């Protein structure tokens, strides 16, 4: 409990604050979250969610069966809702059965949370969906408009981490604030080197939904740097194309991670774009680790890479003609697009493939894709990968690395936002990212962020290990998960 006059902690039964003597007509009990649930259906799950939030996130969660020992039930409940920054509402198939009945406690709790402007987070269990508005009370109609967190037992850890990311921090008590101020006064003589210039208000960075790129963005602790110095970090999801560079040159972004050779070409073609290439950070897996897949019944299963060109005559090759994978395939085969057509190789232009069904319909064909296809083939033994980065010559490996290298590109104006040089800033990001090798918690958080942010197809089934394997292949973080 906290005295609302002096902020000192107090026992619930005291009528007067022992610190300042004020009458404790109303005291506020502070929790990180109040967990509301239908006891008859969701009691066990609510206890589990409370346990996981406390274990993974270090949160202090109120659950009525465990936390109420004395005092009037309604006063206690309303008191805790007022003192908790987050209102967590468990919603499963039968949770709303009695919500339209007079005196229903879940409706009362929701109403009190709405009245006190709490951060309300519905926890949508399995396939829960809100009924039509006509079947809901006013409180529940309001709740149905809130962004919820989907919870499944099979992905419990990921669900809990997402729930934690939706929660806001509880405000410090008055006494904690005063202690912090005293600590700040004590350390005013110690110089604090800022990363960002004192006038900086925000940092604008592009993400792309690609694991190899977003891994660096999320893993370099950009968010932590910004949070320490009260900088507003704005992440914009931009399609992986030269659009990223266009937005950067127009001042819509501060820095991006993008293909090095394309960035150089862009700067040469538009010399007044105001862009600067900085550090090389990774390789695109579509270039360095593309995949050429065939059906296990294909006569190409055992083909040597040097004999592949002649064997492709008369066959359909499904590939995105605009992708770097197509350019790399032609380079490996040693032919241009027109020369390949003269050899009767039928290139069929398709978007980046995420399904192997084409090989079922056309068993003699060849499918060229990226990581999604590689892992789909790994999960299904009916297909075989006949060509990849590891099977080409050393000279070709060097070409693939150079053509697929990604670097940090920033605007010339970006340095104005920094209290250090751009090179020092990006070295700091790279150092932070490399520290993931030794930080299990940070690495797990990164994998969780990538599961949410990146465009992995739903039918891959093993996204967690796929992300871990890509992190190993790209950055040599962790261990390989697949052969």
Protein backbone atom coordinates (compact mmCIF):
# COMPACT_ATOMS: atom_id res chain seq x y z
CA UNK A 1 0.00 0.00 0.00
CA UNK A 2 1.03 3.61 -0.53
CA UNK A 3 -0.11 6.62 1.45
CA UNK A 4 -1.61 9.04 -1.08
CA UNK A 5 -0.14 11.99 0.86
CA UNK A 6 3.53 11.10 1.42
CA UNK A 7 3.96 8.01 -0.75
CA UNK A 8 5.27 5.82 2.06
CA UNK A 9 4.36 2.12 2.11
CA UNK A 10 1.82 1.19 4.74
CA UNK A 11 -0.08 -1.83 6.02
CA UNK A 12 -3.62 -2.24 4.68
CA UNK A 13 -5.15 -2.31 8.22
CA UNK A 14 -3.65 1.01 9.43
CA UNK A 15 -6.13 3.87 9.78
CA UNK A 16 -3.39 6.51 9.83
CA UNK A 17 -0.10 6.66 7.96
CA UNK A 18 2.74 5.93 10.42
CA UNK A 19 5.02 8.30 8.48
CA UNK A 20 2.98 11.52 8.12
CA UNK A 21 -0.06 10.86 10.29
CA UNK A 22 -2.55 11.40 7.46
CA UNK A 23 -5.83 9.54 7.67
CA UNK A 24 -5.69 6.68 5.23
CA UNK A 25 -9.22 6.95 3.89
CA UNK A 26 -8.01 5.41 0.68
CA UNK A 27 -4.75 3.70 -0.04
CA UNK A 28 -3.48 2.44 -3.37
CA UNK A 29 -1.91 -0.98 -3.73
CA UNK A 30 0.64 -1.05 -6.56
CA UNK A 31 0.92 -3.95 -9.03
CA UNK A 32 2.31 -4.15 -12.57
CA UNK A 33 -0.90 -5.77 -13.74
CA UNK A 34 -4.39 -6.79 -12.62
CA UNK A 35 -5.43 -10.16 -14.09
CA UNK A 36 -9.17 -10.45 -14.76
CA UNK A 37 -10.62 -13.84 -15.71
CA UNK A 38 -13.69 -16.10 -15.50
CA UNK A 39 -12.89 -18.24 -12.46
CA UNK A 40 -15.06 -21.20 -13.47
CA UNK A 41 -13.35 -21.59 -16.87
CA UNK A 42 -9.98 -19.83 -16.84
CA UNK A 43 -8.67 -20.15 -13.27
CA UNK A 44 -5.84 -22.58 -14.03
CA UNK A 45 -4.74 -20.64 -17.13
CA UNK A 46 -4.83 -17.34 -15.19
CA UNK A 47 -2.49 -18.81 -12.55
CA UNK A 48 -0.15 -20.01 -15.33
CA UNK A 49 -0.12 -16.58 -17.05
CA UNK A 50 0.60 -14.88 -13.71
CA UNK A 51 3.48 -17.32 -13.05
CA UNK A 52 4.97 -16.78 -16.53
CA UNK A 53 4.72 -12.98 -16.38
CA UNK A 54 6.51 -13.03 -13.05
CA UNK A 55 9.12 -15.58 -14.14
CA UNK A 56 9.92 -14.21 -17.63
CA UNK A 57 9.17 -10.52 -17.14
CA UNK A 58 9.77 -10.02 -13.43
CA UNK A 59 6.29 -8.47 -13.10
CA UNK A 60 4.15 -8.28 -9.95
CA UNK A 61 0.70 -9.50 -11.02
CA UNK A 62 -2.49 -9.39 -8.93
CA UNK A 63 -4.71 -12.50 -9.01
CA UNK A 64 -7.72 -12.38 -6.69
CA UNK A 65 -7.59 -15.97 -5.40
CA UNK A 66 -3.93 -15.59 -4.41
CA UNK A 67 -3.79 -11.95 -3.32
CA UNK A 68 -7.02 -11.29 -1.39
CA UNK A 69 -6.83 -12.32 2.24
CA UNK A 70 -8.91 -9.76 4.07
CA UNK A 71 -11.04 -6.66 3.65
CA UNK A 72 -14.18 -6.18 1.55
CA UNK A 73 -13.83 -7.97 -1.78
CA UNK A 74 -15.26 -5.18 -3.97
CA UNK A 75 -13.22 -2.42 -2.30
CA UNK A 76 -10.06 -4.47 -2.58
CA UNK A 77 -10.62 -5.27 -6.28
CA UNK A 78 -11.37 -1.67 -7.26
CA UNK A 79 -8.44 -0.46 -5.16
CA UNK A 80 -5.99 -2.77 -6.95
CA UNK A 81 -7.33 -1.92 -10.43
CA UNK A 82 -6.72 1.76 -9.65
CA UNK A 83 -3.18 1.00 -8.50
CA UNK A 84 -2.27 -1.25 -11.44
CA UNK A 85 -1.09 0.33 -14.68
CA UNK A 86 -2.16 -2.67 -16.80
CA UNK A 87 -5.51 -4.46 -16.87
CA UNK A 88 -5.08 -7.97 -18.35
CA UNK A 89 -8.31 -9.69 -19.42
CA UNK A 90 -8.24 -13.44 -20.14
CA UNK A 91 -10.80 -14.32 -22.83
CA UNK A 92 -11.43 -17.93 -23.81
CA UNK A 93 -14.41 -19.65 -25.46
CA UNK A 94 -16.74 -19.38 -22.42
CA UNK A 95 -15.34 -16.30 -20.68
CA UNK A 96 -18.20 -14.00 -21.69
CA UNK A 97 -21.07 -16.40 -20.95
CA UNK A 98 -22.44 -14.43 -17.97
CA UNK A 99 -21.23 -10.95 -18.77
CA UNK A 100 -24.72 -9.61 -19.53
CA UNK A 101 -26.07 -10.76 -16.16
CA UNK A 102 -26.59 -8.09 -13.53
CA UNK A 103 -23.74 -7.88 -11.03
CA UNK A 104 -21.30 -9.87 -13.18
CA UNK A 105 -17.83 -9.25 -11.76
CA UNK A 106 -15.88 -9.32 -15.00
CA UNK A 107 -18.11 -6.55 -16.37
CA UNK A 108 -17.61 -4.56 -13.16
CA UNK A 109 -13.83 -4.97 -13.37
CA UNK A 110 -13.77 -3.95 -17.03
CA UNK A 111 -15.94 -0.93 -16.30
CA UNK A 112 -13.64 0.19 -13.48
CA UNK A 113 -10.56 -0.25 -15.69
CA UNK A 114 -12.18 1.85 -18.44
CA UNK A 115 -13.24 4.51 -15.94
CA UNK A 116 -9.67 4.79 -14.65
CA UNK A 117 -8.04 4.83 -18.12
CA UNK A 118 -5.96 1.72 -17.58
CA UNK A 119 -3.80 0.09 -20.25
CA UNK A 120 -6.23 -2.70 -21.18
CA UNK A 121 -4.83 -5.82 -22.88
CA UNK A 122 -7.25 -8.60 -23.91
CA UNK A 123 -5.55 -12.03 -23.86
CA UNK A 124 -7.28 -13.97 -26.64
CA UNK A 125 -6.95 -17.68 -25.87
CA UNK A 126 -6.68 -20.03 -28.87
CA UNK A 127 -9.35 -19.07 -31.43
CA UNK A 128 -11.38 -16.69 -29.27
CA UNK A 129 -13.43 -14.12 -31.19
CA UNK A 130 -15.74 -11.45 -29.81
CA UNK A 131 -19.48 -11.99 -30.49
CA UNK A 132 -21.43 -9.43 -32.49
CA UNK A 133 -21.79 -5.99 -30.88
CA UNK A 134 -25.51 -6.60 -30.32
CA UNK A 135 -24.62 -9.41 -27.89
CA UNK A 136 -22.15 -7.35 -25.87
CA UNK A 137 -22.51 -4.87 -23.05
CA UNK A 138 -21.21 -1.34 -23.53
CA UNK A 139 -18.04 -2.24 -21.60
CA UNK A 140 -17.34 -5.28 -23.75
CA UNK A 141 -18.04 -3.41 -26.98
CA UNK A 142 -15.33 -0.97 -25.91
CA UNK A 143 -12.94 -3.82 -25.04
CA UNK A 144 -13.48 -5.52 -28.41
CA UNK A 145 -11.83 -2.52 -30.11
CA UNK A 146 -8.56 -2.94 -28.19
CA UNK A 147 -5.52 -4.70 -29.67
CA UNK A 148 -5.23 -8.10 -28.04
CA UNK A 149 -2.49 -10.69 -27.62
CA UNK A 150 -3.24 -14.15 -28.98
CA UNK A 151 -2.28 -16.85 -26.50
CA UNK A 152 -1.71 -20.53 -27.33
CA UNK A 153 -0.14 -23.10 -25.04
CA UNK A 154 2.05 -24.41 -27.89
CA UNK A 155 3.66 -20.97 -28.18
CA UNK A 156 3.33 -19.95 -24.55
CA UNK A 157 6.72 -18.25 -24.20
CA UNK A 158 6.26 -16.20 -27.38
CA UNK A 159 2.72 -15.23 -26.29
CA UNK A 160 3.94 -14.13 -22.86
CA UNK A 161 6.78 -12.08 -24.35
CA UNK A 162 4.36 -10.35 -26.69
CA UNK A 163 2.06 -9.67 -23.74
CA UNK A 164 5.00 -8.17 -21.86
CA UNK A 165 5.74 -5.91 -24.83
CA UNK A 166 2.14 -4.57 -24.66
CA UNK A 167 2.42 -3.74 -20.96
CA UNK A 168 3.44 -0.28 -19.81
CA UNK A 169 5.69 0.27 -16.80
CA UNK A 170 4.05 1.15 -13.53
CA UNK A 171 4.85 4.69 -12.34
CA UNK A 172 7.31 4.94 -9.48
CA UNK A 173 5.96 5.75 -6.09
CA UNK A 174 6.66 9.20 -4.67
CA UNK A 175 9.30 7.81 -2.37
CA UNK A 176 11.04 5.99 -5.24
CA UNK A 177 11.01 9.19 -7.30
CA UNK A 178 12.58 11.17 -4.50
CA UNK A 179 15.25 8.51 -4.03
CA UNK A 180 16.03 8.69 -7.75
CA UNK A 181 16.31 12.48 -7.62
CA UNK A 182 18.73 12.23 -4.70
CA UNK A 183 20.81 9.70 -6.64
CA UNK A 184 20.89 12.03 -9.62
CA UNK A 185 22.08 14.91 -7.43
CA UNK A 186 24.85 12.72 -6.02
CA UNK A 187 26.17 11.93 -9.51
CA UNK A 188 25.91 15.32 -11.18
CA UNK A 189 29.68 15.73 -11.10
CA UNK A 190 30.20 12.54 -13.17
CA UNK A 191 30.32 13.36 -16.91
CA UNK A 192 27.78 11.38 -18.95
CA UNK A 193 28.64 10.95 -22.63
CA UNK A 194 25.50 11.00 -24.74
CA UNK A 195 25.18 9.01 -27.94
CA UNK A 196 22.60 11.40 -29.37
CA UNK A 197 22.83 15.19 -29.56
CA UNK A 198 20.79 16.96 -26.91
CA UNK A 199 18.37 18.44 -29.47
CA UNK A 200 17.54 15.06 -31.06
CA UNK A 201 13.89 14.06 -30.77
CA UNK A 202 13.54 10.92 -32.86
CA UNK A 203 15.42 8.23 -34.76
CA UNK A 204 13.85 6.83 -37.95
CA UNK A 205 14.98 3.37 -39.06
CA UNK A 206 13.72 0.99 -41.77
CA UNK A 207 12.81 -2.66 -41.23
CA UNK A 208 11.93 -4.98 -44.10
CA UNK A 209 10.43 -8.22 -42.79
CA UNK A 210 13.67 -10.03 -43.75
CA UNK A 211 15.36 -11.95 -40.95
CA UNK A 212 18.92 -11.15 -42.03
CA UNK A 213 18.23 -7.40 -42.04
CA UNK A 214 15.84 -7.09 -39.12
CA UNK A 215 18.07 -9.29 -36.96
CA UNK A 216 20.66 -6.54 -36.97
CA UNK A 217 18.10 -3.75 -36.44
CA UNK A 218 16.48 -5.50 -33.47
CA UNK A 219 19.64 -7.12 -32.12
CA UNK A 220 21.89 -4.05 -32.00
CA UNK A 221 19.96 -2.62 -29.03
CA UNK A 222 18.96 0.53 -30.90
CA UNK A 223 15.84 0.57 -28.77
CA UNK A 224 17.90 0.47 -25.57
CA UNK A 225 20.15 3.34 -26.70
CA UNK A 226 17.12 5.47 -27.56
CA UNK A 227 15.30 4.63 -24.35
CA UNK A 228 18.26 5.64 -22.18
CA UNK A 229 18.34 9.09 -23.74
CA UNK A 230 14.57 9.60 -24.17
CA UNK A 231 14.76 9.46 -27.96
CA UNK A 232 11.63 8.38 -29.85
CA UNK A 233 12.55 5.35 -31.98
CA UNK A 234 10.37 5.00 -35.08
CA UNK A 235 10.60 1.74 -37.01
CA UNK A 236 9.11 1.84 -40.51
CA UNK A 237 8.46 -1.36 -42.45
CA UNK A 238 9.58 -0.68 -46.01
CA UNK A 239 9.60 -3.19 -48.86
CA UNK A 240 13.09 -4.55 -49.66
CA UNK A 241 13.78 -2.48 -52.78
CA UNK A 242 15.37 0.82 -53.80
CA UNK A 243 12.32 2.44 -52.22
CA UNK A 244 14.34 2.22 -49.00
CA UNK A 245 17.07 4.39 -50.52
CA UNK A 246 14.52 6.83 -51.96
CA UNK A 247 12.97 7.35 -48.52
CA UNK A 248 16.44 7.73 -46.99
CA UNK A 249 17.48 10.39 -49.52
CA UNK A 250 14.24 12.33 -48.91
CA UNK A 251 14.85 12.49 -45.17
CA UNK A 252 12.08 10.06 -44.24
CA UNK A 253 14.67 7.72 -42.67
CA UNK A 254 17.97 8.20 -40.84
CA UNK A 255 19.72 4.95 -41.75
CA UNK A 256 18.97 1.57 -43.31
CA UNK A 257 20.60 -1.80 -43.96
CA UNK A 258 20.55 -2.49 -47.69
CA UNK A 259 22.40 -4.24 -50.50
CA UNK A 260 25.87 -2.75 -50.92
CA UNK A 261 26.23 -3.00 -54.71
CA UNK A 262 22.75 -1.54 -55.31
CA UNK A 263 23.49 1.27 -52.87
CA UNK A 264 26.70 2.11 -54.73
CA UNK A 265 24.81 2.15 -58.05
CA UNK A 266 22.10 4.37 -56.56
CA UNK A 267 24.65 6.89 -55.29
CA UNK A 268 26.45 6.92 -58.67
CA UNK A 269 23.17 7.46 -60.54
CA UNK A 270 21.93 10.17 -58.15
CA UNK A 271 25.06 11.99 -56.91
CA UNK A 272 23.00 14.60 -55.03
CA UNK A 273 21.07 12.04 -52.99
CA UNK A 274 23.08 12.83 -49.84
CA UNK A 275 23.63 9.16 -48.91
CA UNK A 276 26.76 7.65 -47.35
CA UNK A 277 27.71 3.96 -47.25
CA UNK A 278 29.11 2.89 -43.90
CA UNK A 279 29.74 -0.59 -42.45
CA UNK A 280 29.16 -3.95 -44.13
CA UNK A 281 27.09 -6.01 -41.71
CA UNK A 282 25.75 -9.18 -43.36
CA UNK A 283 24.90 -11.09 -46.54
CA UNK A 284 21.43 -11.54 -48.01
CA UNK A 285 20.48 -15.19 -47.84
CA UNK A 286 18.69 -14.91 -51.19
CA UNK A 287 22.07 -14.28 -52.79
CA UNK A 288 24.51 -16.18 -50.63
CA UNK A 289 22.23 -19.08 -49.76
CA UNK A 290 19.65 -19.37 -52.49
CA UNK A 291 18.22 -22.82 -53.19
CA UNK A 292 17.60 -24.82 -56.36
CA UNK A 293 15.03 -27.51 -55.53
CA UNK A 294 13.73 -30.51 -57.50
CA UNK A 295 11.32 -33.35 -56.83
CA UNK A 296 12.97 -36.50 -55.44
CA UNK A 297 11.72 -38.23 -58.61
CA UNK A 298 13.61 -35.82 -60.87
CA UNK A 299 16.57 -37.07 -62.94
CA UNK A 300 18.49 -34.06 -61.58
CA UNK A 301 18.71 -35.33 -57.99
CA UNK A 302 22.30 -36.58 -58.35
CA UNK A 303 23.48 -34.06 -60.96
CA UNK A 304 26.87 -32.39 -60.47
CA UNK A 305 26.75 -28.56 -60.56
CA UNK A 306 29.08 -28.40 -63.56
CA UNK A 307 26.69 -30.60 -65.59
CA UNK A 308 23.51 -28.78 -64.63
CA UNK A 309 23.36 -26.40 -67.60
CA UNK A 310 22.99 -29.07 -70.27
CA UNK A 311 20.50 -31.04 -68.20
CA UNK A 312 18.17 -28.03 -67.88
CA UNK A 313 17.47 -28.03 -71.62
CA UNK A 314 13.75 -28.46 -72.23
CA UNK A 315 12.86 -28.06 -68.54
CA UNK A 316 10.79 -25.41 -66.77
CA UNK A 317 12.74 -23.33 -64.26
CA UNK A 318 10.44 -21.41 -61.89
CA UNK A 319 12.17 -18.29 -60.57
CA UNK A 320 11.51 -14.61 -59.98
CA UNK A 321 13.24 -13.02 -62.97
CA UNK A 322 13.73 -9.75 -61.05
CA UNK A 323 15.43 -11.37 -58.07
CA UNK A 324 19.13 -11.59 -57.27
CA UNK A 325 18.67 -15.37 -57.23
CA UNK A 326 17.99 -15.33 -60.97
CA UNK A 327 21.09 -13.22 -61.65
CA UNK A 328 23.17 -15.55 -59.49
CA UNK A 329 21.79 -18.68 -61.16
CA UNK A 330 22.73 -17.38 -64.61
CA UNK A 331 26.17 -16.46 -63.29
CA UNK A 332 26.70 -19.95 -61.87
CA UNK A 333 25.49 -21.58 -65.08
CA UNK A 334 27.77 -19.27 -67.06
CA UNK A 335 25.08 -17.99 -69.44
CA UNK A 336 23.03 -14.85 -70.03
CA UNK A 337 19.26 -14.90 -70.06
CA UNK A 338 19.17 -14.91 -73.89
CA UNK A 339 21.79 -17.65 -74.14
CA UNK A 340 19.77 -19.78 -71.73
CA UNK A 341 16.65 -19.33 -73.89
CA UNK A 342 18.63 -20.48 -76.94
CA UNK A 343 19.47 -23.65 -75.01
CA UNK A 344 15.70 -24.20 -74.61
CA UNK A 345 15.69 -23.52 -70.87
CA UNK A 346 12.20 -22.29 -70.02
CA UNK A 347 12.42 -19.62 -67.29
CA UNK A 348 8.97 -19.04 -65.82
CA UNK A 349 8.71 -15.78 -63.90
CA UNK A 350 6.90 -16.17 -60.57
CA UNK A 351 6.93 -14.12 -57.34
CA UNK A 352 9.22 -15.27 -54.57
CA UNK A 353 7.91 -18.84 -54.08
CA UNK A 354 6.85 -20.04 -50.65
CA UNK A 355 5.29 -23.37 -51.71
CA UNK A 356 6.75 -26.50 -53.27
CA UNK A 357 3.44 -27.53 -54.85
CA UNK A 358 4.74 -26.48 -58.29
CA UNK A 359 7.08 -29.47 -58.22
CA UNK A 360 4.15 -31.79 -57.57
CA UNK A 361 2.29 -30.48 -60.60
CA UNK A 362 5.42 -30.44 -62.79
CA UNK A 363 7.81 -33.11 -61.37
CA UNK A 364 10.51 -32.59 -64.01
CA UNK A 365 10.79 -28.86 -63.30
CA UNK A 366 13.21 -26.85 -61.15
CA UNK A 367 12.27 -24.31 -58.49
CA UNK A 368 14.65 -21.52 -57.44
CA UNK A 369 13.91 -19.75 -54.15
CA UNK A 370 15.30 -18.38 -50.91
CA UNK A 371 15.27 -19.46 -47.29
CA UNK A 372 11.55 -20.19 -47.19
CA UNK A 373 11.90 -22.80 -49.94
CA UNK A 374 15.00 -24.27 -48.35
CA UNK A 375 13.24 -24.93 -45.05
CA UNK A 376 10.05 -26.11 -46.71
CA UNK A 377 12.17 -28.68 -48.56
CA UNK A 378 13.96 -29.60 -45.35
CA UNK A 379 10.60 -30.31 -43.68
CA UNK A 380 9.43 -32.52 -46.58
CA UNK A 381 11.65 -35.34 -47.81
CA UNK A 382 9.83 -35.47 -51.15
CA UNK A 383 12.14 -32.73 -52.43
CA UNK A 384 15.87 -32.31 -52.86
CA UNK A 385 18.19 -29.31 -52.95
CA UNK A 386 20.59 -29.74 -55.88
CA UNK A 387 22.46 -26.42 -55.81
CA UNK A 388 23.38 -23.95 -53.08
CA UNK A 389 26.21 -21.72 -51.93
CA UNK A 390 28.21 -24.61 -50.50
CA UNK A 391 28.25 -26.57 -53.77
CA UNK A 392 29.82 -23.91 -56.02
CA UNK A 393 33.49 -23.05 -56.66
CA UNK A 394 35.55 -20.77 -54.39
CA UNK A 395 35.55 -18.10 -57.09
CA UNK A 396 31.78 -18.25 -57.32
CA UNK A 397 31.44 -18.12 -53.53
CA UNK A 398 33.36 -14.85 -53.54
CA UNK A 399 31.07 -13.46 -56.24
CA UNK A 400 27.96 -14.48 -54.27
CA UNK A 401 29.31 -12.89 -51.10
CA UNK A 402 30.14 -9.63 -52.86
CA UNK A 403 26.86 -9.46 -54.76
CA UNK A 404 24.76 -10.17 -51.68
CA UNK A 405 26.60 -8.10 -49.08
CA UNK A 406 24.45 -5.71 -47.08
CA UNK A 407 25.74 -2.52 -45.53
CA UNK A 408 24.54 0.38 -43.40
CA UNK A 409 23.59 3.41 -45.48
CA UNK A 410 22.86 6.74 -43.79
CA UNK A 411 21.94 10.27 -44.78
CA UNK A 412 24.55 13.01 -44.51
CA UNK A 413 22.22 14.85 -42.14
CA UNK A 414 22.12 11.92 -39.74
CA UNK A 415 25.37 12.93 -38.05
CA UNK A 416 23.63 16.08 -36.81
CA UNK A 417 21.55 13.82 -34.54
CA UNK A 418 24.63 12.28 -32.93
CA UNK A 419 26.98 13.37 -30.17
CA UNK A 420 29.58 11.01 -31.67
CA UNK A 421 30.64 10.28 -35.25
CA UNK A 422 28.55 8.05 -37.50
CA UNK A 423 31.37 5.49 -37.63
CA UNK A 424 31.52 5.36 -33.82
CA UNK A 425 27.73 5.01 -33.63
CA UNK A 426 27.59 2.10 -36.07
CA UNK A 427 30.60 0.44 -34.42
CA UNK A 428 28.62 0.62 -31.18
CA UNK A 429 25.63 -1.05 -32.85
CA UNK A 430 27.83 -3.79 -34.29
CA UNK A 431 29.46 -4.34 -30.89
CA UNK A 432 26.04 -4.57 -29.22
CA UNK A 433 24.90 -7.05 -31.86
CA UNK A 434 28.01 -9.21 -31.50
CA UNK A 435 27.39 -9.37 -27.75
CA UNK A 436 24.36 -11.56 -28.50
CA UNK A 437 26.83 -14.45 -28.78
CA UNK A 438 27.15 -14.30 -24.98
CA UNK A 439 23.66 -13.13 -23.98
CA UNK A 440 21.10 -15.93 -23.93
CA UNK A 441 18.25 -13.69 -22.77
CA UNK A 442 19.00 -11.06 -25.41
CA UNK A 443 19.19 -13.70 -28.14
CA UNK A 444 15.85 -15.23 -27.08
CA UNK A 445 14.26 -11.78 -27.11
CA UNK A 446 15.66 -11.18 -30.60
CA UNK A 447 14.22 -14.46 -31.90
CA UNK A 448 10.85 -13.53 -30.42
CA UNK A 449 10.97 -10.09 -32.09
CA UNK A 450 11.85 -11.68 -35.43
CA UNK A 451 8.99 -14.19 -35.18
CA UNK A 452 6.59 -11.25 -34.94
CA UNK A 453 8.26 -8.88 -37.39
CA UNK A 454 9.37 -11.12 -40.25
CA UNK A 455 7.35 -12.55 -43.10
CA UNK A 456 7.71 -16.28 -42.54
CA UNK A 457 4.98 -18.41 -44.16
CA UNK A 458 2.58 -20.10 -41.76
CA UNK A 459 3.21 -23.57 -43.23
CA UNK A 460 6.87 -23.73 -42.19
CA UNK A 461 5.84 -24.91 -38.68
CA UNK A 462 9.28 -24.54 -37.06
CA UNK A 463 9.84 -20.79 -37.20
CA UNK A 464 11.87 -20.63 -34.01
CA UNK A 465 14.55 -23.04 -35.24
CA UNK A 466 14.42 -21.57 -38.75
CA UNK A 467 15.28 -18.15 -37.33
CA UNK A 468 18.05 -19.66 -35.21
CA UNK A 469 19.51 -21.41 -38.26
CA UNK A 470 19.41 -18.25 -40.39
CA UNK A 471 21.15 -16.34 -37.59
CA UNK A 472 23.86 -18.99 -37.60
CA UNK A 473 24.26 -19.00 -41.39
CA UNK A 474 24.29 -15.22 -41.64
CA UNK A 475 26.15 -14.11 -38.52
CA UNK A 476 27.50 -17.36 -37.01
CA UNK A 477 25.45 -16.74 -33.89
CA UNK A 478 24.49 -19.87 -31.96
CA UNK A 479 24.53 -23.32 -33.58
CA UNK A 480 23.14 -24.70 -36.88
CA UNK A 481 19.70 -26.28 -36.51
CA UNK A 482 19.53 -28.14 -39.81
CA UNK A 483 21.94 -30.23 -41.87
